[in-house]
Amino acid sequence: MTVALHEIAHTRTGDKGDTSNISLIAYRAEDYAVLLREVTVDKVEAWFAHLRDADAGPVRRYELPQLRALNFVLPGLLRGGVTRSLALDAHGKCLGAALLGMQVRR
C-alpha cells in the first residue's frame, strides 16, 4: 500500500542561513521502520532538487530512533537564506509540508 508521508508522520523544521533542517517524526512506533526504509537521502535530494543549490553540499540524514525521527539537513535549499531569498515562503515550515506530500510504501 502507498501512502503520503503526512498520513504516518509530521515534521518540525528550522533554518540557519542557507540551510534548512527538516525532522520527520513517525506518529506510531511501527511506522518509524517505514521512514527508515523509504525516506532516503537520495529521495529527499530528488524531492527538493528543483529548489536546492547542488553545489552547496550533500543532504545529510540523521537517525533518531528514540524519537522515531529522521533529521535531514539540506544545505543550499534556502537560496541564500530566508531574508535574502526571492522565493515566496521559503521557510522551513513550508518545506516540511512539501516533504509530507512524498508517497511511500507502507
PDB file of N, CA and C in Angstrom:
ATOM      1  N   MET A   1       0.842  -1.170   0.000  1.00  0.00           N
ATOM      2  CA  MET A   1       0.000   0.000   0.000  1.00  0.00           C
ATOM      3  C   MET A   1       0.897   1.246   0.000  1.00  0.00           C
ATOM      4  N   THR A   2       0.513   2.234  -0.780  1.00  0.00           N
ATOM      5  CA  THR A   2       1.241   3.507  -0.849  1.00  0.00           C
ATOM      6  C   THR A   2       0.448   4.573  -0.118  1.00  0.00           C
ATOM      7  N   VAL A   3       1.154   5.367   0.702  1.00  0.00           N
ATOM      8  CA  VAL A   3       0.525   6.459   1.448  1.00  0.00           C
ATOM      9  C   VAL A   3       1.401   7.702   1.358  1.00  0.00           C
ATOM     10  N   ALA A   4       0.800   8.854   1.551  1.00  0.00           N
ATOM     11  CA  ALA A   4       1.573  10.089   1.661  1.00  0.00           C
ATOM     12  C   ALA A   4       2.186  10.149   3.052  1.00  0.00           C
ATOM     13  N   LEU A   5       3.366  10.712   3.159  1.00  0.00           N
ATOM     14  CA  LEU A   5       4.042  10.793   4.456  1.00  0.00           C
ATOM     15  C   LEU A   5       3.185  11.450   5.527  1.00  0.00           C
ATOM     16  N   HIS A   6       2.348  12.400   5.159  1.00  0.00           N
ATOM     17  CA  HIS A   6       1.546  13.096   6.172  1.00  0.00           C
ATOM     18  C   HIS A   6       0.586  12.160   6.905  1.00  0.00           C
ATOM     19  N   GLU A   7       0.332  10.990   6.321  1.00  0.00           N
ATOM     20  CA  GLU A   7      -0.551  10.026   6.977  1.00  0.00           C
ATOM     21  C   GLU A   7       0.154   9.261   8.101  1.00  0.00           C
ATOM     22  N   ILE A   8       1.483   9.225   8.072  1.00  0.00           N
ATOM     23  CA  ILE A   8       2.213   8.440   9.079  1.00  0.00           C
ATOM     24  C   ILE A   8       3.223   9.262   9.881  1.00  0.00           C
ATOM     25  N   ALA A   9       3.391  10.539   9.510  1.00  0.00           N
ATOM     26  CA  ALA A   9       4.425  11.341  10.177  1.00  0.00           C
ATOM     27  C   ALA A   9       4.078  12.827  10.137  1.00  0.00           C
ATOM     28  N   HIS A  10       4.791  13.575  10.965  1.00  0.00           N
ATOM     29  CA  HIS A  10       4.707  15.035  10.928  1.00  0.00           C
ATOM     30  C   HIS A  10       6.123  15.587  10.911  1.00  0.00           C
ATOM     31  N   THR A  11       6.258  16.891  10.721  1.00  0.00           N
ATOM     32  CA  THR A  11       7.595  17.492  10.634  1.00  0.00           C
ATOM     33  C   THR A  11       7.774  18.612  11.644  1.00  0.00           C
ATOM     34  N   ARG A  12       9.026  18.848  11.956  1.00  0.00           N
ATOM     35  CA  ARG A  12       9.482  20.039  12.685  1.00  0.00           C
ATOM     36  C   ARG A  12      10.639  20.568  11.854  1.00  0.00           C
ATOM     37  N   THR A  13      10.730  21.863  11.726  1.00  0.00           N
ATOM     38  CA  THR A  13      11.724  22.414  10.826  1.00  0.00           C
ATOM     39  C   THR A  13      12.457  23.592  11.448  1.00  0.00           C
ATOM     40  N   GLY A  14      13.549  23.923  10.823  1.00  0.00           N
ATOM     41  CA  GLY A  14      14.309  25.091  11.216  1.00  0.00           C
ATOM     42  C   GLY A  14      15.169  25.530  10.053  1.00  0.00           C
ATOM     43  N   ASP A  15      15.743  26.689  10.183  1.00  0.00           N
ATOM     44  CA  ASP A  15      16.645  27.157   9.150  1.00  0.00           C
ATOM     45  C   ASP A  15      17.734  28.011   9.777  1.00  0.00           C
ATOM     46  N   LYS A  16      18.882  27.965   9.154  1.00  0.00           N
ATOM     47  CA  LYS A  16      20.022  28.772   9.577  1.00  0.00           C
ATOM     48  C   LYS A  16      20.770  29.149   8.315  1.00  0.00           C
ATOM     49  N   GLY A  17      20.745  30.426   7.995  1.00  0.00           N
ATOM     50  CA  GLY A  17      21.402  30.865   6.769  1.00  0.00           C
ATOM     51  C   GLY A  17      20.770  30.214   5.559  1.00  0.00           C
ATOM     52  N   ASP A  18      21.579  29.523   4.793  1.00  0.00           N
ATOM     53  CA  ASP A  18      21.158  28.901   3.551  1.00  0.00           C
ATOM     54  C   ASP A  18      20.683  27.459   3.734  1.00  0.00           C
ATOM     55  N   THR A  19      20.698  26.960   4.968  1.00  0.00           N
ATOM     56  CA  THR A  19      20.427  25.548   5.244  1.00  0.00           C
ATOM     57  C   THR A  19      19.078  25.357   5.923  1.00  0.00           C
ATOM     58  N   SER A  20      18.318  24.393   5.413  1.00  0.00           N
ATOM     59  CA  SER A  20      17.067  24.017   6.053  1.00  0.00           C
ATOM     60  C   SER A  20      17.271  22.685   6.757  1.00  0.00           C
ATOM     61  N   ASN A  21      16.607  22.542   7.880  1.00  0.00           N
ATOM     62  CA  ASN A  21      16.699  21.358   8.715  1.00  0.00           C
ATOM     63  C   ASN A  21      15.262  20.845   8.865  1.00  0.00           C
ATOM     64  N   ILE A  22      15.004  19.630   8.379  1.00  0.00           N
ATOM     65  CA  ILE A  22      13.646  19.074   8.422  1.00  0.00           C
ATOM     66  C   ILE A  22      13.682  17.752   9.182  1.00  0.00           C
ATOM     67  N   SER A  23      12.964  17.702  10.286  1.00  0.00           N
ATOM     68  CA  SER A  23      12.815  16.455  11.031  1.00  0.00           C
ATOM     69  C   SER A  23      11.478  15.826  10.676  1.00  0.00           C
ATOM     70  N   LEU A  24      11.511  14.551  10.400  1.00  0.00           N
ATOM     71  CA  LEU A  24      10.329  13.770  10.047  1.00  0.00           C
ATOM     72  C   LEU A  24      10.089  12.793  11.185  1.00  0.00           C
ATOM     73  N   ILE A  25       8.938  12.896  11.837  1.00  0.00           N
ATOM     74  CA  ILE A  25       8.673  12.140  13.063  1.00  0.00           C
ATOM     75  C   ILE A  25       7.449  11.243  12.862  1.00  0.00           C
ATOM     76  N   ALA A  26       7.638   9.941  13.051  1.00  0.00           N
ATOM     77  CA  ALA A  26       6.542   8.983  12.893  1.00  0.00           C
ATOM     78  C   ALA A  26       5.530   9.154  14.016  1.00  0.00           C
ATOM     79  N   TYR A  27       4.259   9.094  13.676  1.00  0.00           N
ATOM     80  CA  TYR A  27       3.217   9.139  14.692  1.00  0.00           C
ATOM     81  C   TYR A  27       3.244   7.876  15.554  1.00  0.00           C
ATOM     82  N   ARG A  28       3.459   6.733  14.892  1.00  0.00           N
ATOM     83  CA  ARG A  28       3.429   5.447  15.599  1.00  0.00           C
ATOM     84  C   ARG A  28       4.790   4.767  15.492  1.00  0.00           C
ATOM     85  N   ALA A  29       5.181   4.063  16.539  1.00  0.00           N
ATOM     86  CA  ALA A  29       6.481   3.398  16.570  1.00  0.00           C
ATOM     87  C   ALA A  29       6.691   2.484  15.361  1.00  0.00           C
ATOM     88  N   GLU A  30       5.654   1.761  14.960  1.00  0.00           N
ATOM     89  CA  GLU A  30       5.806   0.813  13.856  1.00  0.00           C
ATOM     90  C   GLU A  30       6.039   1.498  12.509  1.00  0.00           C
ATOM     91  N   ASP A  31       5.698   2.762  12.397  1.00  0.00           N
ATOM     92  CA  ASP A  31       5.924   3.470  11.137  1.00  0.00           C
ATOM     93  C   ASP A  31       7.329   4.054  11.029  1.00  0.00           C
ATOM     94  N   TYR A  32       8.094   4.036  12.109  1.00  0.00           N
ATOM     95  CA  TYR A  32       9.485   4.501  12.032  1.00  0.00           C
ATOM     96  C   TYR A  32      10.274   3.631  11.045  1.00  0.00           C
ATOM     97  N   ALA A  33      10.001   2.334  11.016  1.00  0.00           N
ATOM     98  CA  ALA A  33      10.679   1.441  10.068  1.00  0.00           C
ATOM     99  C   ALA A  33      10.380   1.839   8.620  1.00  0.00           C
ATOM    100  N   VAL A  34       9.171   2.309   8.371  1.00  0.00           N
ATOM    101  CA  VAL A  34       8.806   2.781   7.034  1.00  0.00           C
ATOM    102  C   VAL A  34       9.650   4.001   6.679  1.00  0.00           C
ATOM    103  N   LEU A  35       9.789   4.920   7.611  1.00  0.00           N
ATOM    104  CA  LEU A  35      10.613   6.111   7.358  1.00  0.00           C
ATOM    105  C   LEU A  35      12.047   5.718   7.052  1.00  0.00           C
ATOM    106  N   LEU A  36      12.611   4.828   7.870  1.00  0.00           N
ATOM    107  CA  LEU A  36      13.994   4.377   7.665  1.00  0.00           C
ATOM    108  C   LEU A  36      14.189   3.795   6.268  1.00  0.00           C
ATOM    109  N   ARG A  37      13.262   2.970   5.852  1.00  0.00           N
ATOM    110  CA  ARG A  37      13.377   2.265   4.581  1.00  0.00           C
ATOM    111  C   ARG A  37      13.076   3.164   3.386  1.00  0.00           C
ATOM    112  N   GLU A  38      12.063   3.992   3.505  1.00  0.00           N
ATOM    113  CA  GLU A  38      11.536   4.712   2.338  1.00  0.00           C
ATOM    114  C   GLU A  38      12.072   6.131   2.141  1.00  0.00           C
ATOM    115  N   VAL A  39      12.416   6.801   3.201  1.00  0.00           N
ATOM    116  CA  VAL A  39      12.801   8.215   3.077  1.00  0.00           C
ATOM    117  C   VAL A  39      14.325   8.312   3.152  1.00  0.00           C
ATOM    118  N   THR A  40      14.944   8.067   2.017  1.00  0.00           N
ATOM    119  CA  THR A  40      16.394   8.039   1.914  1.00  0.00           C
ATOM    120  C   THR A  40      16.941   9.421   1.544  1.00  0.00           C
ATOM    121  N   VAL A  41      18.238   9.572   1.698  1.00  0.00           N
ATOM    122  CA  VAL A  41      18.892  10.814   1.280  1.00  0.00           C
ATOM    123  C   VAL A  41      18.643  11.055  -0.207  1.00  0.00           C
ATOM    124  N   ASP A  42      18.788  10.001  -1.009  1.00  0.00           N
ATOM    125  CA  ASP A  42      18.592  10.163  -2.460  1.00  0.00           C
ATOM    126  C   ASP A  42      17.188  10.643  -2.790  1.00  0.00           C
ATOM    127  N   LYS A  43      16.181  10.092  -2.115  1.00  0.00           N
ATOM    128  CA  LYS A  43      14.797  10.505  -2.389  1.00  0.00           C
ATOM    129  C   LYS A  43      14.543  11.943  -1.947  1.00  0.00           C
ATOM    130  N   VAL A  44      15.080  12.337  -0.806  1.00  0.00           N
ATOM    131  CA  VAL A  44      14.890  13.714  -0.327  1.00  0.00           C
ATOM    132  C   VAL A  44      15.645  14.684  -1.224  1.00  0.00           C
ATOM    133  N   GLU A  45      16.854  14.313  -1.645  1.00  0.00           N
ATOM    134  CA  GLU A  45      17.595  15.156  -2.589  1.00  0.00           C
ATOM    135  C   GLU A  45      16.816  15.352  -3.873  1.00  0.00           C
ATOM    136  N   ALA A  46      16.261  14.267  -4.408  1.00  0.00           N
ATOM    137  CA  ALA A  46      15.480  14.358  -5.645  1.00  0.00           C
ATOM    138  C   ALA A  46      14.204  15.176  -5.432  1.00  0.00           C
ATOM    139  N   TRP A  47      13.557  15.018  -4.270  1.00  0.00           N
ATOM    140  CA  TRP A  47      12.310  15.724  -3.970  1.00  0.00           C
ATOM    141  C   TRP A  47      12.512  17.243  -4.007  1.00  0.00           C
ATOM    142  N   PHE A  48      13.661  17.693  -3.526  1.00  0.00           N
ATOM    143  CA  PHE A  48      13.933  19.130  -3.447  1.00  0.00           C
ATOM    144  C   PHE A  48      14.949  19.609  -4.491  1.00  0.00           C
ATOM    145  N   ALA A  49      15.281  18.778  -5.472  1.00  0.00           N
ATOM    146  CA  ALA A  49      16.327  19.117  -6.450  1.00  0.00           C
ATOM    147  C   ALA A  49      16.048  20.429  -7.177  1.00  0.00           C
ATOM    148  N   HIS A  50      14.790  20.701  -7.464  1.00  0.00           N
ATOM    149  CA  HIS A  50      14.442  21.919  -8.211  1.00  0.00           C
ATOM    150  C   HIS A  50      14.623  23.185  -7.363  1.00  0.00           C
ATOM    151  N   LEU A  51      14.795  23.041  -6.062  1.00  0.00           N
ATOM    152  CA  LEU A  51      14.956  24.195  -5.170  1.00  0.00           C
ATOM    153  C   LEU A  51      16.385  24.373  -4.661  1.00  0.00           C
ATOM    154  N   ARG A  52      17.145  23.288  -4.613  1.00  0.00           N
ATOM    155  CA  ARG A  52      18.458  23.311  -3.980  1.00  0.00           C
ATOM    156  C   ARG A  52      19.562  23.791  -4.904  1.00  0.00           C
ATOM    157  N   ASP A  53      20.538  24.443  -4.308  1.00  0.00           N
ATOM    158  CA  ASP A  53      21.801  24.741  -4.973  1.00  0.00           C
ATOM    159  C   ASP A  53      22.658  23.489  -4.793  1.00  0.00           C
ATOM    160  N   ALA A  54      22.823  22.715  -5.864  1.00  0.00           N
ATOM    161  CA  ALA A  54      23.517  21.427  -5.780  1.00  0.00           C
ATOM    162  C   ALA A  54      24.969  21.579  -5.344  1.00  0.00           C
ATOM    163  N   ASP A  55      25.567  22.745  -5.548  1.00  0.00           N
ATOM    164  CA  ASP A  55      26.957  22.972  -5.161  1.00  0.00           C
ATOM    165  C   ASP A  55      27.107  23.264  -3.672  1.00  0.00           C
ATOM    166  N   ALA A  56      26.005  23.365  -2.941  1.00  0.00           N
ATOM    167  CA  ALA A  56      26.057  23.735  -1.516  1.00  0.00           C
ATOM    168  C   ALA A  56      26.482  22.583  -0.621  1.00  0.00           C
ATOM    169  N   GLY A  57      26.515  21.382  -1.150  1.00  0.00           N
ATOM    170  CA  GLY A  57      26.900  20.231  -0.349  1.00  0.00           C
ATOM    171  C   GLY A  57      25.809  19.192  -0.310  1.00  0.00           C
ATOM    172  N   PRO A  58      26.145  18.012   0.185  1.00  0.00           N
ATOM    173  CA  PRO A  58      25.188  16.910   0.182  1.00  0.00           C
ATOM    174  C   PRO A  58      24.122  17.046   1.258  1.00  0.00           C
ATOM    175  N   VAL A  59      22.971  16.443   0.996  1.00  0.00           N
ATOM    176  CA  VAL A  59      21.932  16.299   2.018  1.00  0.00           C
ATOM    177  C   VAL A  59      22.434  15.254   3.012  1.00  0.00           C
ATOM    178  N   ARG A  60      22.205  15.503   4.291  1.00  0.00           N
ATOM    179  CA  ARG A  60      22.608  14.543   5.332  1.00  0.00           C
ATOM    180  C   ARG A  60      21.367  14.084   6.083  1.00  0.00           C
ATOM    181  N   ARG A  61      21.375  12.794   6.467  1.00  0.00           N
ATOM    182  CA  ARG A  61      20.276  12.224   7.234  1.00  0.00           C
ATOM    183  C   ARG A  61      20.821  11.693   8.554  1.00  0.00           C
ATOM    184  N   TYR A  62      20.122  12.054   9.626  1.00  0.00           N
ATOM    185  CA  TYR A  62      20.464  11.562  10.950  1.00  0.00           C
ATOM    186  C   TYR A  62      19.268  10.776  11.477  1.00  0.00           C
ATOM    187  N   GLU A  63      19.554   9.607  12.040  1.00  0.00           N
ATOM    188  CA  GLU A  63      18.504   8.748  12.577  1.00  0.00           C
ATOM    189  C   GLU A  63      18.405   8.923  14.084  1.00  0.00           C
ATOM    190  N   LEU A  64      17.180   9.129  14.568  1.00  0.00           N
ATOM    191  CA  LEU A  64      16.924   9.320  15.994  1.00  0.00           C
ATOM    192  C   LEU A  64      15.862   8.318  16.439  1.00  0.00           C
ATOM    193  N   PRO A  65      16.251   7.053  16.605  1.00  0.00           N
ATOM    194  CA  PRO A  65      15.258   6.008  16.890  1.00  0.00           C
ATOM    195  C   PRO A  65      14.484   6.232  18.183  1.00  0.00           C
ATOM    196  N   GLN A  66      15.107   6.810  19.184  1.00  0.00           N
ATOM    197  CA  GLN A  66      14.400   7.041  20.448  1.00  0.00           C
ATOM    198  C   GLN A  66      13.263   8.053  20.288  1.00  0.00           C
ATOM    199  N   LEU A  67      13.338   8.870  19.249  1.00  0.00           N
ATOM    200  CA  LEU A  67      12.275   9.839  18.959  1.00  0.00           C
ATOM    201  C   LEU A  67      11.408   9.408  17.768  1.00  0.00           C
ATOM    202  N   ARG A  68      11.740   8.266  17.166  1.00  0.00           N
ATOM    203  CA  ARG A  68      11.063   7.789  15.955  1.00  0.00           C
ATOM    204  C   ARG A  68      11.161   8.836  14.844  1.00  0.00           C
ATOM    205  N   ALA A  69      12.353   9.414  14.701  1.00  0.00           N
ATOM    206  CA  ALA A  69      12.515  10.541  13.793  1.00  0.00           C
ATOM    207  C   ALA A  69      13.748  10.407  12.901  1.00  0.00           C
ATOM    208  N   LEU A  70      13.659  11.048  11.759  1.00  0.00           N
ATOM    209  CA  LEU A  70      14.795  11.258  10.878  1.00  0.00           C
ATOM    210  C   LEU A  70      14.984  12.759  10.772  1.00  0.00           C
ATOM    211  N   ASN A  71      16.218  13.202  10.792  1.00  0.00           N
ATOM    212  CA  ASN A  71      16.514  14.618  10.643  1.00  0.00           C
ATOM    213  C   ASN A  71      17.330  14.801   9.364  1.00  0.00           C
ATOM    214  N   PHE A  72      16.829  15.638   8.468  1.00  0.00           N
ATOM    215  CA  PHE A  72      17.524  15.922   7.218  1.00  0.00           C
ATOM    216  C   PHE A  72      18.071  17.340   7.258  1.00  0.00           C
ATOM    217  N   VAL A  73      19.337  17.476   6.898  1.00  0.00           N
ATOM    218  CA  VAL A  73      19.984  18.777   6.792  1.00  0.00           C
ATOM    219  C   VAL A  73      20.220  19.015   5.307  1.00  0.00           C
ATOM    220  N   LEU A  74      19.622  20.111   4.794  1.00  0.00           N
ATOM    221  CA  LEU A  74      19.643  20.385   3.364  1.00  0.00           C
ATOM    222  C   LEU A  74      20.326  21.722   3.080  1.00  0.00           C
ATOM    223  N   PRO A  75      21.654  21.712   2.889  1.00  0.00           N
ATOM    224  CA  PRO A  75      22.336  22.959   2.557  1.00  0.00           C
ATOM    225  C   PRO A  75      21.924  23.450   1.176  1.00  0.00           C
ATOM    226  N   GLY A  76      21.876  24.757   1.008  1.00  0.00           N
ATOM    227  CA  GLY A  76      21.553  25.343  -0.287  1.00  0.00           C
ATOM    228  C   GLY A  76      20.079  25.361  -0.628  1.00  0.00           C
ATOM    229  N   LEU A  77      19.230  24.949   0.287  1.00  0.00           N
ATOM    230  CA  LEU A  77      17.798  24.883  -0.010  1.00  0.00           C
ATOM    231  C   LEU A  77      17.123  26.253   0.083  1.00  0.00           C
ATOM    232  N   LEU A  78      17.696  27.155   0.865  1.00  0.00           N
ATOM    233  CA  LEU A  78      17.037  28.447   1.095  1.00  0.00           C
ATOM    234  C   LEU A  78      17.579  29.573   0.212  1.00  0.00           C
ATOM    235  N   ARG A  79      18.367  29.200  -0.793  1.00  0.00           N
ATOM    236  CA  ARG A  79      18.852  30.154  -1.798  1.00  0.00           C
ATOM    237  C   ARG A  79      19.414  31.441  -1.214  1.00  0.00           C
ATOM    238  N   GLY A  80      20.360  31.305  -0.328  1.00  0.00           N
ATOM    239  CA  GLY A  80      20.993  32.481   0.266  1.00  0.00           C
ATOM    240  C   GLY A  80      20.459  32.817   1.638  1.00  0.00           C
ATOM    241  N   GLY A  81      19.432  32.151   2.077  1.00  0.00           N
ATOM    242  CA  GLY A  81      18.862  32.413   3.396  1.00  0.00           C
ATOM    243  C   GLY A  81      17.469  33.005   3.283  1.00  0.00           C
ATOM    244  N   VAL A  82      16.693  32.836   4.321  1.00  0.00           N
ATOM    245  CA  VAL A  82      15.301  33.283   4.314  1.00  0.00           C
ATOM    246  C   VAL A  82      15.191  34.774   4.041  1.00  0.00           C
ATOM    247  N   THR A  83      16.046  35.571   4.653  1.00  0.00           N
ATOM    248  CA  THR A  83      15.926  37.022   4.488  1.00  0.00           C
ATOM    249  C   THR A  83      16.462  37.524   3.156  1.00  0.00           C
ATOM    250  N   ARG A  84      17.244  36.701   2.437  1.00  0.00           N
ATOM    251  CA  ARG A  84      17.801  37.116   1.151  1.00  0.00           C
ATOM    252  C   ARG A  84      17.096  36.492  -0.036  1.00  0.00           C
ATOM    253  N   SER A  85      16.275  35.495   0.187  1.00  0.00           N
ATOM    254  CA  SER A  85      15.667  34.745  -0.901  1.00  0.00           C
ATOM    255  C   SER A  85      14.550  35.536  -1.571  1.00  0.00           C
ATOM    256  N   LEU A  86      14.439  35.363  -2.879  1.00  0.00           N
ATOM    257  CA  LEU A  86      13.327  35.950  -3.629  1.00  0.00           C
ATOM    258  C   LEU A  86      12.154  34.987  -3.716  1.00  0.00           C
ATOM    259  N   ALA A  87      12.348  33.761  -3.213  1.00  0.00           N
ATOM    260  CA  ALA A  87      11.273  32.768  -3.234  1.00  0.00           C
ATOM    261  C   ALA A  87      10.187  33.149  -2.246  1.00  0.00           C
ATOM    262  N   LEU A  88       8.947  32.894  -2.630  1.00  0.00           N
ATOM    263  CA  LEU A  88       7.841  33.154  -1.724  1.00  0.00           C
ATOM    264  C   LEU A  88       7.766  32.054  -0.681  1.00  0.00           C
ATOM    265  N   ASP A  89       7.701  32.413   0.572  1.00  0.00           N
ATOM    266  CA  ASP A  89       7.514  31.493   1.683  1.00  0.00           C
ATOM    267  C   ASP A  89       8.470  30.304   1.646  1.00  0.00           C
ATOM    268  N   ALA A  90       9.748  30.601   1.613  1.00  0.00           N
ATOM    269  CA  ALA A  90      10.764  29.544   1.546  1.00  0.00           C
ATOM    270  C   ALA A  90      11.194  29.076   2.930  1.00  0.00           C
ATOM    271  N   HIS A  91      10.439  29.397   3.949  1.00  0.00           N
ATOM    272  CA  HIS A  91      10.802  28.999   5.298  1.00  0.00           C
ATOM    273  C   HIS A  91      10.644  27.495   5.490  1.00  0.00           C
ATOM    274  N   GLY A  92      11.272  26.994   6.536  1.00  0.00           N
ATOM    275  CA  GLY A  92      11.265  25.573   6.822  1.00  0.00           C
ATOM    276  C   GLY A  92       9.890  24.959   6.950  1.00  0.00           C
ATOM    277  N   LYS A  93       8.937  25.672   7.548  1.00  0.00           N
ATOM    278  CA  LYS A  93       7.594  25.097   7.736  1.00  0.00           C
ATOM    279  C   LYS A  93       6.966  24.721   6.407  1.00  0.00           C
ATOM    280  N   CYS A  94       7.113  25.570   5.443  1.00  0.00           N
ATOM    281  CA  CYS A  94       6.549  25.310   4.120  1.00  0.00           C
ATOM    282  C   CYS A  94       7.263  24.124   3.474  1.00  0.00           C
ATOM    283  N   LEU A  95       8.579  24.035   3.663  1.00  0.00           N
ATOM    284  CA  LEU A  95       9.353  22.945   3.081  1.00  0.00           C
ATOM    285  C   LEU A  95       9.024  21.614   3.767  1.00  0.00           C
ATOM    286  N   GLY A  96       8.800  21.642   5.068  1.00  0.00           N
ATOM    287  CA  GLY A  96       8.389  20.438   5.786  1.00  0.00           C
ATOM    288  C   GLY A  96       7.060  19.933   5.272  1.00  0.00           C
ATOM    289  N   ALA A  97       6.136  20.856   5.042  1.00  0.00           N
ATOM    290  CA  ALA A  97       4.825  20.477   4.498  1.00  0.00           C
ATOM    291  C   ALA A  97       4.977  19.886   3.099  1.00  0.00           C
ATOM    292  N   ALA A  98       5.897  20.426   2.325  1.00  0.00           N
ATOM    293  CA  ALA A  98       6.131  19.896   0.979  1.00  0.00           C
ATOM    294  C   ALA A  98       6.646  18.457   1.040  1.00  0.00           C
ATOM    295  N   LEU A  99       7.536  18.168   1.975  1.00  0.00           N
ATOM    296  CA  LEU A  99       8.065  16.810   2.116  1.00  0.00           C
ATOM    297  C   LEU A  99       6.966  15.816   2.479  1.00  0.00           C
ATOM    298  N   LEU A 100       5.982  16.254   3.243  1.00  0.00           N
ATOM    299  CA  LEU A 100       4.898  15.365   3.672  1.00  0.00           C
ATOM    300  C   LEU A 100       4.021  14.884   2.517  1.00  0.00           C
ATOM    301  N   GLY A 101       4.173  15.473   1.351  1.00  0.00           N
ATOM    302  CA  GLY A 101       3.441  15.013   0.172  1.00  0.00           C
ATOM    303  C   GLY A 101       4.085  13.819  -0.519  1.00  0.00           C
ATOM    304  N   MET A 102       5.308  13.466  -0.117  1.00  0.00           N
ATOM    305  CA  MET A 102       6.003  12.322  -0.733  1.00  0.00           C
ATOM    306  C   MET A 102       5.233  11.031  -0.469  1.00  0.00           C
ATOM    307  N   GLN A 103       5.122  10.192  -1.483  1.00  0.00           N
ATOM    308  CA  GLN A 103       4.451   8.904  -1.368  1.00  0.00           C
ATOM    309  C   GLN A 103       5.478   7.839  -0.959  1.00  0.00           C
ATOM    310  N   VAL A 104       5.090   6.958  -0.037  1.00  0.00           N
ATOM    311  CA  VAL A 104       5.957   5.866   0.414  1.00  0.00           C
ATOM    312  C   VAL A 104       5.171   4.562   0.474  1.00  0.00           C
ATOM    313  N   ARG A 105       5.888   3.448   0.407  1.00  0.00           N
ATOM    314  CA  ARG A 105       5.257   2.133   0.568  1.00  0.00           C
ATOM    315  C   ARG A 105       5.174   1.834   2.056  1.00  0.00           C
ATOM    316  N   ARG A 106       4.006   1.487   2.515  1.00  0.00           N
ATOM    317  CA  ARG A 106       3.810   1.200   3.934  1.00  0.00           C
ATOM    318  C   ARG A 106       3.902  -0.274   4.207  1.00  0.00           C
TER     319      ARG A 106
END
